[in-house]
PDB file of N, CA and C in Angstrom:
ATOM      1  N   MET A   1       0.759  -0.985   0.060  1.00  0.00           N
ATOM      2  CA  MET A   1      -0.041  -0.200   0.063  1.00  0.00           C
ATOM      3  C   MET A   1       0.941   1.383   0.316  1.00  0.00           C
ATOM      4  N   GLN A   2       0.740   2.155  -1.013  1.00  0.00           N
ATOM      5  CA  GLN A   2       1.271   3.410  -1.030  1.00  0.00           C
ATOM      6  C   GLN A   2       0.989   4.217  -0.473  1.00  0.00           C
ATOM      7  N   VAL A   3       1.593   5.057   0.745  1.00  0.00           N
ATOM      8  CA  VAL A   3       1.208   6.040   1.712  1.00  0.00           C
ATOM      9  C   VAL A   3       1.273   7.584   1.026  1.00  0.00           C
ATOM     10  N   ALA A   4       0.410   8.108   1.035  1.00  0.00           N
ATOM     11  CA  ALA A   4       0.659   9.646   0.431  1.00  0.00           C
ATOM     12  C   ALA A   4       0.727  10.610   1.649  1.00  0.00           C
ATOM     13  N   PRO A   5       1.545  11.422   1.565  1.00  0.00           N
ATOM     14  CA  PRO A   5       1.473  12.272   2.559  1.00  0.00           C
ATOM     15  C   PRO A   5       0.028  13.346   3.207  1.00  0.00           C
ATOM     16  N   LEU A   6       0.031  13.245   4.199  1.00  0.00           N
ATOM     17  CA  LEU A   6      -0.845  14.065   4.794  1.00  0.00           C
ATOM     18  C   LEU A   6      -1.065  15.684   4.305  1.00  0.00           C
ATOM     19  N   GLY A   7      -1.712  16.297   4.597  1.00  0.00           N
ATOM     20  CA  GLY A   7      -1.678  17.766   4.302  1.00  0.00           C
ATOM     21  C   GLY A   7      -1.397  18.259   2.688  1.00  0.00           C
ATOM     22  N   ASN A   8      -0.490  19.566   2.856  1.00  0.00           N
ATOM     23  CA  ASN A   8      -0.035  19.746   1.648  1.00  0.00           C
ATOM     24  C   ASN A   8       0.793  18.767   0.744  1.00  0.00           C
ATOM     25  N   ASN A   9       1.594  19.256  -0.072  1.00  0.00           N
ATOM     26  CA  ASN A   9       2.131  18.317  -1.172  1.00  0.00           C
ATOM     27  C   ASN A   9       3.517  18.380  -0.578  1.00  0.00           C
ATOM     28  N   HIS A  10       3.611  17.517   0.681  1.00  0.00           N
ATOM     29  CA  HIS A  10       4.905  17.539   1.382  1.00  0.00           C
ATOM     30  C   HIS A  10       5.637  16.341   0.552  1.00  0.00           C
ATOM     31  N   GLY A  11       6.625  16.630   0.709  1.00  0.00           N
ATOM     32  CA  GLY A  11       7.616  15.088   0.077  1.00  0.00           C
ATOM     33  C   GLY A  11       7.795  15.526  -1.522  1.00  0.00           C
ATOM     34  N   ALA A  12       7.374  16.663  -2.190  1.00  0.00           N
ATOM     35  CA  ALA A  12       7.407  16.736  -3.554  1.00  0.00           C
ATOM     36  C   ALA A  12       8.598  17.379  -4.159  1.00  0.00           C
ATOM     37  N   PRO A  13       9.075  16.940  -4.776  1.00  0.00           N
ATOM     38  CA  PRO A  13      10.528  17.530  -5.367  1.00  0.00           C
ATOM     39  C   PRO A  13      10.402  19.364  -5.172  1.00  0.00           C
ATOM     40  N   SER A  14      11.322  19.634  -4.899  1.00  0.00           N
ATOM     41  CA  SER A  14      11.552  21.142  -4.952  1.00  0.00           C
ATOM     42  C   SER A  14      10.067  22.039  -5.501  1.00  0.00           C
ATOM     43  N   LYS A  15      10.192  22.969  -5.038  1.00  0.00           N
ATOM     44  CA  LYS A  15       8.696  24.057  -5.110  1.00  0.00           C
ATOM     45  C   LYS A  15       7.803  23.659  -4.397  1.00  0.00           C
ATOM     46  N   ALA A  16       7.836  22.615  -3.085  1.00  0.00           N
ATOM     47  CA  ALA A  16       6.274  22.058  -2.638  1.00  0.00           C
ATOM     48  C   ALA A  16       5.927  23.115  -2.034  1.00  0.00           C
ATOM     49  N   ALA A  17       4.742  23.239  -2.379  1.00  0.00           N
ATOM     50  CA  ALA A  17       4.006  24.293  -1.243  1.00  0.00           C
ATOM     51  C   ALA A  17       4.017  24.329  -0.150  1.00  0.00           C
ATOM     52  N   MET A  18       4.562  25.730   0.912  1.00  0.00           N
ATOM     53  CA  MET A  18       4.497  25.595   1.576  1.00  0.00           C
ATOM     54  C   MET A  18       3.562  25.095   2.965  1.00  0.00           C
ATOM     55  N   PRO A  19       3.500  24.358   3.918  1.00  0.00           N
ATOM     56  CA  PRO A  19       2.537  23.778   4.723  1.00  0.00           C
ATOM     57  C   PRO A  19       2.088  25.038   5.483  1.00  0.00           C
ATOM     58  N   THR A  20       1.121  24.772   6.106  1.00  0.00           N
ATOM     59  CA  THR A  20       0.441  25.754   6.592  1.00  0.00           C
ATOM     60  C   THR A  20      -0.242  24.908   8.301  1.00  0.00           C
ATOM     61  N   TYR A  21      -0.405  25.702   9.366  1.00  0.00           N
ATOM     62  CA  TYR A  21      -0.704  25.372  10.598  1.00  0.00           C
ATOM     63  C   TYR A  21      -1.477  26.775  10.908  1.00  0.00           C
ATOM     64  N   ASN A  22      -2.575  26.095  11.281  1.00  0.00           N
ATOM     65  CA  ASN A  22      -3.818  27.239  12.126  1.00  0.00           C
ATOM     66  C   ASN A  22      -3.679  28.546  10.651  1.00  0.00           C
ATOM     67  N   ASN A  23      -3.715  28.057   9.174  1.00  0.00           N
ATOM     68  CA  ASN A  23      -3.782  28.942   8.264  1.00  0.00           C
ATOM     69  C   ASN A  23      -2.737  29.721   8.240  1.00  0.00           C
ATOM     70  N   ARG A  24      -1.615  29.712   8.578  1.00  0.00           N
ATOM     71  CA  ARG A  24      -0.314  30.443   8.729  1.00  0.00           C
ATOM     72  C   ARG A  24       0.806  29.100   7.899  1.00  0.00           C
ATOM     73  N   PRO A  25       1.505  29.968   7.717  1.00  0.00           N
ATOM     74  CA  PRO A  25       3.153  29.236   6.992  1.00  0.00           C
ATOM     75  C   PRO A  25       3.794  28.518   8.223  1.00  0.00           C
ATOM     76  N   ASP A  26       3.955  27.087   7.745  1.00  0.00           N
ATOM     77  CA  ASP A  26       4.465  26.108   9.184  1.00  0.00           C
ATOM     78  C   ASP A  26       6.096  26.483   8.746  1.00  0.00           C
ATOM     79  N   TYR A  27       7.086  26.912   8.854  1.00  0.00           N
ATOM     80  CA  TYR A  27       8.256  26.634   8.600  1.00  0.00           C
ATOM     81  C   TYR A  27       8.775  25.837   9.223  1.00  0.00           C
ATOM     82  N   ASP A  28       8.547  25.884  10.363  1.00  0.00           N
ATOM     83  CA  ASP A  28       9.306  24.798  11.734  1.00  0.00           C
ATOM     84  C   ASP A  28       9.020  23.006  10.849  1.00  0.00           C
ATOM     85  N   PHE A  29       7.898  23.176  10.364  1.00  0.00           N
ATOM     86  CA  PHE A  29       7.296  21.906   9.795  1.00  0.00           C
ATOM     87  C   PHE A  29       7.852  21.582   8.598  1.00  0.00           C
ATOM     88  N   ALA A  30       7.796  22.162   7.562  1.00  0.00           N
ATOM     89  CA  ALA A  30       8.637  22.836   6.744  1.00  0.00           C
ATOM     90  C   ALA A  30      10.216  22.372   6.221  1.00  0.00           C
ATOM     91  N   ALA A  31      10.736  22.819   7.633  1.00  0.00           N
ATOM     92  CA  ALA A  31      12.167  22.814   7.814  1.00  0.00           C
ATOM     93  C   ALA A  31      12.253  21.279   8.002  1.00  0.00           C
ATOM     94  N   ALA A  32      11.532  20.621   8.995  1.00  0.00           N
ATOM     95  CA  ALA A  32      11.718  18.961   9.502  1.00  0.00           C
ATOM     96  C   ALA A  32      11.386  18.318   8.362  1.00  0.00           C
ATOM     97  N   LEU A  33      10.397  18.680   7.234  1.00  0.00           N
ATOM     98  CA  LEU A  33       9.971  17.602   6.149  1.00  0.00           C
ATOM     99  C   LEU A  33      11.370  17.605   5.261  1.00  0.00           C
ATOM    100  N   ASP A  34      12.119  18.801   5.246  1.00  0.00           N
ATOM    101  CA  ASP A  34      13.218  18.955   4.332  1.00  0.00           C
ATOM    102  C   ASP A  34      14.429  17.806   4.747  1.00  0.00           C
ATOM    103  N   LYS A  35      14.414  17.904   6.111  1.00  0.00           N
ATOM    104  CA  LYS A  35      15.511  17.180   6.710  1.00  0.00           C
ATOM    105  C   LYS A  35      15.327  15.358   6.764  1.00  0.00           C
ATOM    106  N   LEU A  36      13.838  15.152   6.148  1.00  0.00           N
ATOM    107  CA  LEU A  36      14.018  13.282   6.508  1.00  0.00           C
ATOM    108  C   LEU A  36      13.749  12.670   5.051  1.00  0.00           C
ATOM    109  N   SER A  37      13.640  11.787   5.101  1.00  0.00           N
ATOM    110  CA  SER A  37      13.529  10.648   3.970  1.00  0.00           C
ATOM    111  C   SER A  37      12.388  10.745   3.663  1.00  0.00           C
ATOM    112  N   PRO A  38      11.996  10.365   2.477  1.00  0.00           N
ATOM    113  CA  PRO A  38      10.587   9.425   2.045  1.00  0.00           C
ATOM    114  C   PRO A  38      10.136   8.402   2.683  1.00  0.00           C
ATOM    115  N   GLN A  39      11.302   7.637   3.312  1.00  0.00           N
ATOM    116  CA  GLN A  39      10.875   6.263   4.033  1.00  0.00           C
ATOM    117  C   GLN A  39      10.194   6.656   5.392  1.00  0.00           C
ATOM    118  N   VAL A  40      10.730   7.966   5.918  1.00  0.00           N
ATOM    119  CA  VAL A  40      10.514   7.835   7.229  1.00  0.00           C
ATOM    120  C   VAL A  40       9.322   8.960   7.508  1.00  0.00           C
ATOM    121  N   LYS A  41       9.075   9.527   6.435  1.00  0.00           N
ATOM    122  CA  LYS A  41       7.907  10.541   6.471  1.00  0.00           C
ATOM    123  C   LYS A  41       6.839   9.531   6.116  1.00  0.00           C
ATOM    124  N   ALA A  42       6.850   8.421   5.244  1.00  0.00           N
ATOM    125  CA  ALA A  42       5.904   7.451   4.870  1.00  0.00           C
ATOM    126  C   ALA A  42       5.492   6.462   6.065  1.00  0.00           C
ATOM    127  N   LYS A  43       6.618   6.445   6.921  1.00  0.00           N
ATOM    128  CA  LYS A  43       6.716   5.612   8.241  1.00  0.00           C
ATOM    129  C   LYS A  43       5.805   6.688   9.342  1.00  0.00           C
ATOM    130  N   ALA A  44       6.084   7.678   9.384  1.00  0.00           N
ATOM    131  CA  ALA A  44       5.509   8.249  10.588  1.00  0.00           C
ATOM    132  C   ALA A  44       3.893   8.379  10.097  1.00  0.00           C
ATOM    133  N   GLN A  45       3.383   8.932   8.629  1.00  0.00           N
ATOM    134  CA  GLN A  45       2.286   8.942   8.365  1.00  0.00           C
ATOM    135  C   GLN A  45       1.391   7.722   8.802  1.00  0.00           C
ATOM    136  N   THR A  46       1.691   6.310   8.299  1.00  0.00           N
ATOM    137  CA  THR A  46       1.494   5.315   8.713  1.00  0.00           C
ATOM    138  C   THR A  46       0.990   5.314  10.161  1.00  0.00           C
ATOM    139  N   GLN A  47       2.316   5.459  11.010  1.00  0.00           N
ATOM    140  CA  GLN A  47       1.741   5.332  12.476  1.00  0.00           C
ATOM    141  C   GLN A  47       0.592   6.487  13.036  1.00  0.00           C
ATOM    142  N   ALA A  48       0.735   7.857  12.530  1.00  0.00           N
ATOM    143  CA  ALA A  48      -0.337   8.530  12.837  1.00  0.00           C
ATOM    144  C   ALA A  48      -1.435   8.093  12.435  1.00  0.00           C
ATOM    145  N   GLN A  49      -1.643   7.363  11.281  1.00  0.00           N
ATOM    146  CA  GLN A  49      -3.100   7.344  11.106  1.00  0.00           C
ATOM    147  C   GLN A  49      -3.720   6.097  11.531  1.00  0.00           C
ATOM    148  N   ASN A  50      -2.785   5.401  11.956  1.00  0.00           N
ATOM    149  CA  ASN A  50      -2.890   4.181  12.882  1.00  0.00           C
ATOM    150  C   ASN A  50      -3.323   4.206  14.020  1.00  0.00           C
ATOM    151  N   PHE A  51      -2.814   5.506  15.375  1.00  0.00           N
ATOM    152  CA  PHE A  51      -2.690   5.856  16.290  1.00  0.00           C
ATOM    153  C   PHE A  51      -4.345   6.832  16.078  1.00  0.00           C
ATOM    154  N   GLU A  52      -5.020   7.127  15.264  1.00  0.00           N
ATOM    155  CA  GLU A  52      -5.985   7.706  15.222  1.00  0.00           C
ATOM    156  C   GLU A  52      -7.339   6.525  14.791  1.00  0.00           C
ATOM    157  N   GLY A  53      -7.039   5.494  13.904  1.00  0.00           N
ATOM    158  CA  GLY A  53      -7.858   4.440  14.104  1.00  0.00           C
ATOM    159  C   GLY A  53      -7.764   3.863  15.237  1.00  0.00           C
ATOM    160  N   MET A  54      -7.130   3.770  15.874  1.00  0.00           N
ATOM    161  CA  MET A  54      -7.010   3.298  17.850  1.00  0.00           C
ATOM    162  C   MET A  54      -8.173   4.318  18.093  1.00  0.00           C
ATOM    163  N   PHE A  55      -7.782   5.410  18.180  1.00  0.00           N
ATOM    164  CA  PHE A  55      -8.546   6.494  18.573  1.00  0.00           C
ATOM    165  C   PHE A  55     -10.157   6.372  18.695  1.00  0.00           C
ATOM    166  N   LEU A  56     -10.291   6.197  17.391  1.00  0.00           N
ATOM    167  CA  LEU A  56     -11.540   6.003  16.844  1.00  0.00           C
ATOM    168  C   LEU A  56     -11.992   4.728  17.228  1.00  0.00           C
ATOM    169  N   ASN A  57     -11.764   3.860  17.222  1.00  0.00           N
ATOM    170  CA  ASN A  57     -12.232   2.670  17.453  1.00  0.00           C
ATOM    171  C   ASN A  57     -12.517   2.473  19.370  1.00  0.00           C
ATOM    172  N   SER A  58     -11.566   3.057  19.958  1.00  0.00           N
ATOM    173  CA  SER A  58     -12.165   3.101  21.206  1.00  0.00           C
ATOM    174  C   SER A  58     -13.416   4.278  21.525  1.00  0.00           C
ATOM    175  N   MET A  59     -13.398   5.456  20.769  1.00  0.00           N
ATOM    176  CA  MET A  59     -14.464   6.041  20.756  1.00  0.00           C
ATOM    177  C   MET A  59     -15.946   5.577  20.530  1.00  0.00           C
ATOM    178  N   PHE A  60     -15.502   4.903  19.122  1.00  0.00           N
ATOM    179  CA  PHE A  60     -16.936   4.052  18.440  1.00  0.00           C
ATOM    180  C   PHE A  60     -17.315   2.910  19.414  1.00  0.00           C
ATOM    181  N   SER A  61     -16.271   2.331  20.298  1.00  0.00           N
ATOM    182  CA  SER A  61     -16.664   1.519  20.840  1.00  0.00           C
ATOM    183  C   SER A  61     -17.510   1.681  22.316  1.00  0.00           C
ATOM    184  N   GLN A  62     -17.006   2.914  22.507  1.00  0.00           N
ATOM    185  CA  GLN A  62     -17.712   3.602  23.890  1.00  0.00           C
ATOM    186  C   GLN A  62     -18.991   4.035  23.824  1.00  0.00           C
ATOM    187  N   MET A  63     -19.003   4.648  21.945  1.00  0.00           N
ATOM    188  CA  MET A  63     -20.412   5.048  21.864  1.00  0.00           C
ATOM    189  C   MET A  63     -21.799   3.824  21.339  1.00  0.00           C
ATOM    190  N   THR A  64     -20.984   2.272  21.365  1.00  0.00           N
ATOM    191  CA  THR A  64     -21.963   1.559  20.869  1.00  0.00           C
ATOM    192  C   THR A  64     -22.307   0.612  22.173  1.00  0.00           C
ATOM    193  N   SER A  65     -21.282   0.622  23.202  1.00  0.00           N
ATOM    194  CA  SER A  65     -21.544  -0.201  24.321  1.00  0.00           C
ATOM    195  C   SER A  65     -22.694  -0.334  24.917  1.00  0.00           C
ATOM    196  N   GLY A  66     -23.658   0.465  24.889  1.00  0.00           N
ATOM    197  CA  GLY A  66     -25.185   0.596  25.440  1.00  0.00           C
ATOM    198  C   GLY A  66     -25.867  -0.060  24.607  1.00  0.00           C
ATOM    199  N   LEU A  67     -25.647  -0.374  23.314  1.00  0.00           N
ATOM    200  CA  LEU A  67     -26.793  -0.936  22.438  1.00  0.00           C
ATOM    201  C   LEU A  67     -26.782  -2.155  22.639  1.00  0.00           C
ATOM    202  N   LYS A  68     -28.386  -2.393  22.598  1.00  0.00           N
ATOM    203  CA  LYS A  68     -28.371  -4.080  22.827  1.00  0.00           C
ATOM    204  C   LYS A  68     -29.662  -3.707  21.582  1.00  0.00           C
ATOM    205  N   GLY A  69     -30.142  -5.062  21.280  1.00  0.00           N
ATOM    206  CA  GLY A  69     -31.075  -5.114  20.143  1.00  0.00           C
ATOM    207  C   GLY A  69     -30.962  -6.125  19.056  1.00  0.00           C
ATOM    208  N   ASP A  70     -31.642  -5.699  18.236  1.00  0.00           N
ATOM    209  CA  ASP A  70     -31.591  -7.202  16.867  1.00  0.00           C
ATOM    210  C   ASP A  70     -30.667  -7.550  16.226  1.00  0.00           C
ATOM    211  N   GLY A  71     -30.082  -6.419  15.652  1.00  0.00           N
ATOM    212  CA  GLY A  71     -28.944  -6.718  14.572  1.00  0.00           C
ATOM    213  C   GLY A  71     -28.708  -7.891  13.965  1.00  0.00           C
ATOM    214  N   PRO A  72     -27.808  -8.014  13.123  1.00  0.00           N
ATOM    215  CA  PRO A  72     -27.596  -9.288  12.582  1.00  0.00           C
ATOM    216  C   PRO A  72     -27.268 -10.499  13.085  1.00  0.00           C
ATOM    217  N   PHE A  73     -27.571 -10.654  14.581  1.00  0.00           N
ATOM    218  CA  PHE A  73     -27.280 -12.123  15.604  1.00  0.00           C
ATOM    219  C   PHE A  73     -28.192 -11.784  16.313  1.00  0.00           C
ATOM    220  N   GLY A  74     -29.034 -11.025  16.399  1.00  0.00           N
ATOM    221  CA  GLY A  74     -29.850 -10.958  17.659  1.00  0.00           C
ATOM    222  C   GLY A  74     -29.290 -10.519  18.726  1.00  0.00           C
ATOM    223  N   ASN A  75     -29.675 -10.584  19.985  1.00  0.00           N
ATOM    224  CA  ASN A  75     -29.193 -10.060  21.172  1.00  0.00           C
ATOM    225  C   ASN A  75     -28.304 -11.420  21.706  1.00  0.00           C
ATOM    226  N   THR A  76     -27.259 -11.787  21.241  1.00  0.00           N
ATOM    227  CA  THR A  76     -26.374 -13.003  21.764  1.00  0.00           C
ATOM    228  C   THR A  76     -24.889 -12.657  21.425  1.00  0.00           C
ATOM    229  N   VAL A  77     -24.115 -13.450  22.408  1.00  0.00           N
ATOM    230  CA  VAL A  77     -22.921 -13.432  22.568  1.00  0.00           C
ATOM    231  C   VAL A  77     -22.099 -13.171  21.023  1.00  0.00           C
ATOM    232  N   GLY A  78     -22.543 -13.720  20.114  1.00  0.00           N
ATOM    233  CA  GLY A  78     -21.977 -13.079  18.575  1.00  0.00           C
ATOM    234  C   GLY A  78     -22.287 -11.691  18.053  1.00  0.00           C
ATOM    235  N   THR A  79     -22.963 -11.016  18.771  1.00  0.00           N
ATOM    236  CA  THR A  79     -23.547  -9.902  18.585  1.00  0.00           C
ATOM    237  C   THR A  79     -22.406  -8.983  18.915  1.00  0.00           C
ATOM    238  N   GLY A  80     -21.610  -9.027  20.466  1.00  0.00           N
ATOM    239  CA  GLY A  80     -20.380  -8.424  20.515  1.00  0.00           C
ATOM    240  C   GLY A  80     -19.457  -8.526  19.443  1.00  0.00           C
ATOM    241  N   ILE A  81     -18.975 -10.166  19.692  1.00  0.00           N
ATOM    242  CA  ILE A  81     -17.686 -10.219  18.556  1.00  0.00           C
ATOM    243  C   ILE A  81     -18.164  -9.379  17.250  1.00  0.00           C
ATOM    244  N   TRP A  82     -19.375  -9.631  16.360  1.00  0.00           N
ATOM    245  CA  TRP A  82     -19.639  -8.850  14.921  1.00  0.00           C
ATOM    246  C   TRP A  82     -19.247  -7.566  15.598  1.00  0.00           C
ATOM    247  N   ARG A  83     -19.716  -6.567  16.399  1.00  0.00           N
ATOM    248  CA  ARG A  83     -20.133  -5.416  16.528  1.00  0.00           C
ATOM    249  C   ARG A  83     -18.654  -4.730  16.947  1.00  0.00           C
ATOM    250  N   SER A  84     -17.743  -5.666  17.697  1.00  0.00           N
ATOM    251  CA  SER A  84     -16.131  -5.065  17.753  1.00  0.00           C
ATOM    252  C   SER A  84     -15.465  -5.088  16.397  1.00  0.00           C
ATOM    253  N   MET A  85     -15.481  -6.284  15.575  1.00  0.00           N
ATOM    254  CA  MET A  85     -15.338  -6.563  14.290  1.00  0.00           C
ATOM    255  C   MET A  85     -15.523  -5.227  13.259  1.00  0.00           C
ATOM    256  N   GLN A  86     -16.835  -5.294  13.591  1.00  0.00           N
ATOM    257  CA  GLN A  86     -17.507  -3.648  12.587  1.00  0.00           C
ATOM    258  C   GLN A  86     -16.845  -2.685  12.884  1.00  0.00           C
ATOM    259  N   ILE A  87     -16.712  -2.213  14.019  1.00  0.00           N
ATOM    260  CA  ILE A  87     -16.113  -0.938  14.971  1.00  0.00           C
ATOM    261  C   ILE A  87     -14.652  -0.513  14.184  1.00  0.00           C
ATOM    262  N   GLU A  88     -13.928  -1.852  14.445  1.00  0.00           N
ATOM    263  CA  GLU A  88     -12.683  -2.083  13.845  1.00  0.00           C
ATOM    264  C   GLU A  88     -12.759  -1.586  12.039  1.00  0.00           C
ATOM    265  N   GLN A  89     -13.309  -1.946  11.422  1.00  0.00           N
ATOM    266  CA  GLN A  89     -13.437  -1.723  10.066  1.00  0.00           C
ATOM    267  C   GLN A  89     -13.764  -0.297   9.827  1.00  0.00           C
ATOM    268  N   TYR A  90     -14.792  -0.137  10.731  1.00  0.00           N
ATOM    269  CA  TYR A  90     -15.291   1.629  10.494  1.00  0.00           C
ATOM    270  C   TYR A  90     -14.414   2.579  11.273  1.00  0.00           C
ATOM    271  N   SER A  91     -13.598   2.073  12.047  1.00  0.00           N
ATOM    272  CA  SER A  91     -12.736   2.591  12.480  1.00  0.00           C
ATOM    273  C   SER A  91     -11.187   3.361  11.623  1.00  0.00           C
ATOM    274  N   LYS A  92     -10.947   1.836  11.019  1.00  0.00           N
ATOM    275  CA  LYS A  92      -9.709   1.939   9.600  1.00  0.00           C
ATOM    276  C   LYS A  92     -10.164   2.666   8.698  1.00  0.00           C
ATOM    277  N   SER A  93     -11.713   2.724   8.266  1.00  0.00           N
ATOM    278  CA  SER A  93     -12.318   3.339   6.938  1.00  0.00           C
ATOM    279  C   SER A  93     -12.171   5.005   7.498  1.00  0.00           C
ATOM    280  N   PHE A  94     -12.296   5.396   8.507  1.00  0.00           N
ATOM    281  CA  PHE A  94     -12.748   6.796   8.942  1.00  0.00           C
ATOM    282  C   PHE A  94     -11.209   7.134   8.888  1.00  0.00           C
ATOM    283  N   ALA A  95     -10.279   6.136   9.736  1.00  0.00           N
ATOM    284  CA  ALA A  95      -8.916   6.770   9.497  1.00  0.00           C
ATOM    285  C   ALA A  95      -8.251   7.222   8.101  1.00  0.00           C
ATOM    286  N   GLU A  96      -8.464   6.402   7.463  1.00  0.00           N
ATOM    287  CA  GLU A  96      -8.070   6.540   5.943  1.00  0.00           C
ATOM    288  C   GLU A  96      -8.712   7.426   5.225  1.00  0.00           C
ATOM    289  N   ALA A  97      -9.791   7.694   5.363  1.00  0.00           N
ATOM    290  CA  ALA A  97     -10.499   8.883   4.779  1.00  0.00           C
ATOM    291  C   ALA A  97     -10.387  10.105   5.238  1.00  0.00           C
ATOM    292  N   GLY A  98      -9.312  10.248   6.080  1.00  0.00           N
ATOM    293  CA  GLY A  98      -9.125  11.345   7.135  1.00  0.00           C
ATOM    294  C   GLY A  98      -9.399  11.799   7.953  1.00  0.00           C
ATOM    295  N   GLY A  99      -9.856  10.806   8.897  1.00  0.00           N
ATOM    296  CA  GLY A  99     -10.645  11.190  10.110  1.00  0.00           C
ATOM    297  C   GLY A  99     -10.931  12.235  10.741  1.00  0.00           C
ATOM    298  N   VAL A 100     -10.992  12.791  11.867  1.00  0.00           N
ATOM    299  CA  VAL A 100     -11.230  13.739  12.392  1.00  0.00           C
ATOM    300  C   VAL A 100     -10.027  14.818  12.567  1.00  0.00           C
ATOM    301  N   GLY A 101      -8.966  14.383  11.910  1.00  0.00           N
ATOM    302  CA  GLY A 101      -7.637  15.451  12.020  1.00  0.00           C
ATOM    303  C   GLY A 101      -6.783  15.087  13.027  1.00  0.00           C
ATOM    304  N   ILE A 102      -6.611  13.979  14.056  1.00  0.00           N
ATOM    305  CA  ILE A 102      -6.077  13.944  14.801  1.00  0.00           C
ATOM    306  C   ILE A 102      -4.792  13.116  14.107  1.00  0.00           C
ATOM    307  N   ALA A 103      -4.492  12.527  13.046  1.00  0.00           N
ATOM    308  CA  ALA A 103      -3.640  11.781  12.314  1.00  0.00           C
ATOM    309  C   ALA A 103      -2.703  13.167  11.687  1.00  0.00           C
ATOM    310  N   LYS A 104      -3.054  14.108  11.436  1.00  0.00           N
ATOM    311  CA  LYS A 104      -2.501  15.464  10.592  1.00  0.00           C
ATOM    312  C   LYS A 104      -1.478  15.962  11.756  1.00  0.00           C
ATOM    313  N   GLU A 105      -2.139  16.069  13.159  1.00  0.00           N
ATOM    314  CA  GLU A 105      -1.551  16.696  13.995  1.00  0.00           C
ATOM    315  C   GLU A 105      -0.405  15.864  14.685  1.00  0.00           C
ATOM    316  N   VAL A 106      -0.545  14.521  14.669  1.00  0.00           N
ATOM    317  CA  VAL A 106       0.418  13.330  15.279  1.00  0.00           C
ATOM    318  C   VAL A 106       1.252  13.133  14.123  1.00  0.00           C
ATOM    319  N   TYR A 107       1.309  13.514  12.758  1.00  0.00           N
ATOM    320  CA  TYR A 107       2.123  13.479  11.908  1.00  0.00           C
ATOM    321  C   TYR A 107       3.193  14.434  11.845  1.00  0.00           C
ATOM    322  N   ARG A 108       2.296  15.852  12.114  1.00  0.00           N
ATOM    323  CA  ARG A 108       3.216  16.964  12.173  1.00  0.00           C
ATOM    324  C   ARG A 108       4.173  17.021  13.330  1.00  0.00           C
ATOM    325  N   THR A 109       3.634  16.142  14.211  1.00  0.00           N
ATOM    326  CA  THR A 109       4.828  16.282  15.394  1.00  0.00           C
ATOM    327  C   THR A 109       5.759  15.441  15.415  1.00  0.00           C
ATOM    328  N   LEU A 110       5.248  13.866  14.752  1.00  0.00           N
ATOM    329  CA  LEU A 110       6.394  13.008  14.522  1.00  0.00           C
ATOM    330  C   LEU A 110       7.534  13.320  13.675  1.00  0.00           C
ATOM    331  N   ILE A 111       7.218  14.274  12.605  1.00  0.00           N
ATOM    332  CA  ILE A 111       8.303  14.921  11.937  1.00  0.00           C
ATOM    333  C   ILE A 111       9.194  15.764  12.636  1.00  0.00           C
ATOM    334  N   ILE A 112       8.396  16.619  13.149  1.00  0.00           N
ATOM    335  CA  ILE A 112       9.463  17.615  13.791  1.00  0.00           C
ATOM    336  C   ILE A 112      10.294  17.027  14.974  1.00  0.00           C
ATOM    337  N   GLN A 113       9.577  15.695  15.416  1.00  0.00           N
ATOM    338  CA  GLN A 113      10.682  14.944  16.698  1.00  0.00           C
ATOM    339  C   GLN A 113      11.504  14.376  15.881  1.00  0.00           C
ATOM    340  N   GLN A 114      11.180  13.793  14.829  1.00  0.00           N
ATOM    341  CA  GLN A 114      12.701  13.054  14.374  1.00  0.00           C
ATOM    342  C   GLN A 114      13.347  13.870  13.186  1.00  0.00           C
ATOM    343  N   ALA A 115      13.271  15.185  13.008  1.00  0.00           N
ATOM    344  CA  ALA A 115      14.009  16.227  12.338  1.00  0.00           C
ATOM    345  C   ALA A 115      15.072  16.443  13.487  1.00  0.00           C
ATOM    346  N   LYS A 116      14.490  16.577  14.792  1.00  0.00           N
ATOM    347  CA  LYS A 116      15.071  17.410  15.663  1.00  0.00           C
ATOM    348  C   LYS A 116      16.313  16.296  16.173  1.00  0.00           C
ATOM    349  N   THR A 117      16.041  14.884  16.067  1.00  0.00           N
ATOM    350  CA  THR A 117      16.736  13.937  16.422  1.00  0.00           C
ATOM    351  C   THR A 117      17.679  13.482  15.391  1.00  0.00           C
ATOM    352  N   VAL A 118      17.626  13.840  14.400  1.00  0.00           N
ATOM    353  CA  VAL A 118      18.466  13.646  12.922  1.00  0.00           C
ATOM    354  C   VAL A 118      19.425  14.932  13.510  1.00  0.00           C
ATOM    355  N   GLY A 119      18.766  16.266  13.484  1.00  0.00           N
ATOM    356  CA  GLY A 119      19.432  17.543  13.733  1.00  0.00           C
ATOM    357  C   GLY A 119      20.613  16.936  14.739  1.00  0.00           C
ATOM    358  N   GLN A 120      20.417  16.459  15.922  1.00  0.00           N
ATOM    359  CA  GLN A 120      21.091  16.435  17.051  1.00  0.00           C
ATOM    360  C   GLN A 120      22.217  15.325  16.524  1.00  0.00           C
ATOM    361  N   GLY A 121      21.698  14.632  15.875  1.00  0.00           N
ATOM    362  CA  GLY A 121      22.698  13.112  15.708  1.00  0.00           C
ATOM    363  C   GLY A 121      23.880  14.155  14.668  1.00  0.00           C
ATOM    364  N   GLN A 122      23.988  14.835  13.729  1.00  0.00           N
ATOM    365  CA  GLN A 122      24.154  15.649  12.886  1.00  0.00           C
ATOM    366  C   GLN A 122      25.440  16.718  13.789  1.00  0.00           C
ATOM    367  N   GLY A 123      24.483  17.026  14.724  1.00  0.00           N
ATOM    368  CA  GLY A 123      25.286  18.090  15.499  1.00  0.00           C
ATOM    369  C   GLY A 123      26.688  17.307  16.418  1.00  0.00           C
ATOM    370  N   LYS A 124      26.120  16.055  16.607  1.00  0.00           N
ATOM    371  CA  LYS A 124      27.736  15.711  17.577  1.00  0.00           C
ATOM    372  C   LYS A 124      28.383  15.342  16.735  1.00  0.00           C
ATOM    373  N   GLN A 125      28.195  14.620  15.384  1.00  0.00           N
ATOM    374  CA  GLN A 125      29.153  14.534  14.584  1.00  0.00           C
ATOM    375  C   GLN A 125      30.380  15.577  14.278  1.00  0.00           C
ATOM    376  N   ALA A 126      29.562  16.806  13.983  1.00  0.00           N
ATOM    377  CA  ALA A 126      30.394  17.761  13.273  1.00  0.00           C
ATOM    378  C   ALA A 126      31.679  18.230  14.759  1.00  0.00           C
TER     379      ALA A 126
END
């Protein structure tokens, strides 16, 4: 599965659009993106998306915890198992479709932290 970067055109060769944060240019994020390889960016995006999926799974589980009813399996033990699998798939689908914005913030934070780590490693070598 190929992972496209979140938000603006991050990772594109030269002349990429400036990423924004709260509708303002995000120079820290842009500088961090320039320091990292495409593989690191893709891994960070996958982790951010997975995190949002887990959050949404927890949220949907809480939303449906009190539901009783006829559902496809009636009100049996199988209903809980089916519902947990359904919620897991909903969560993944929501996160892949853009979710609620958590992945974008987590991605930004991961990229900035990774760039700081790279910068500290280079500083020690010089």
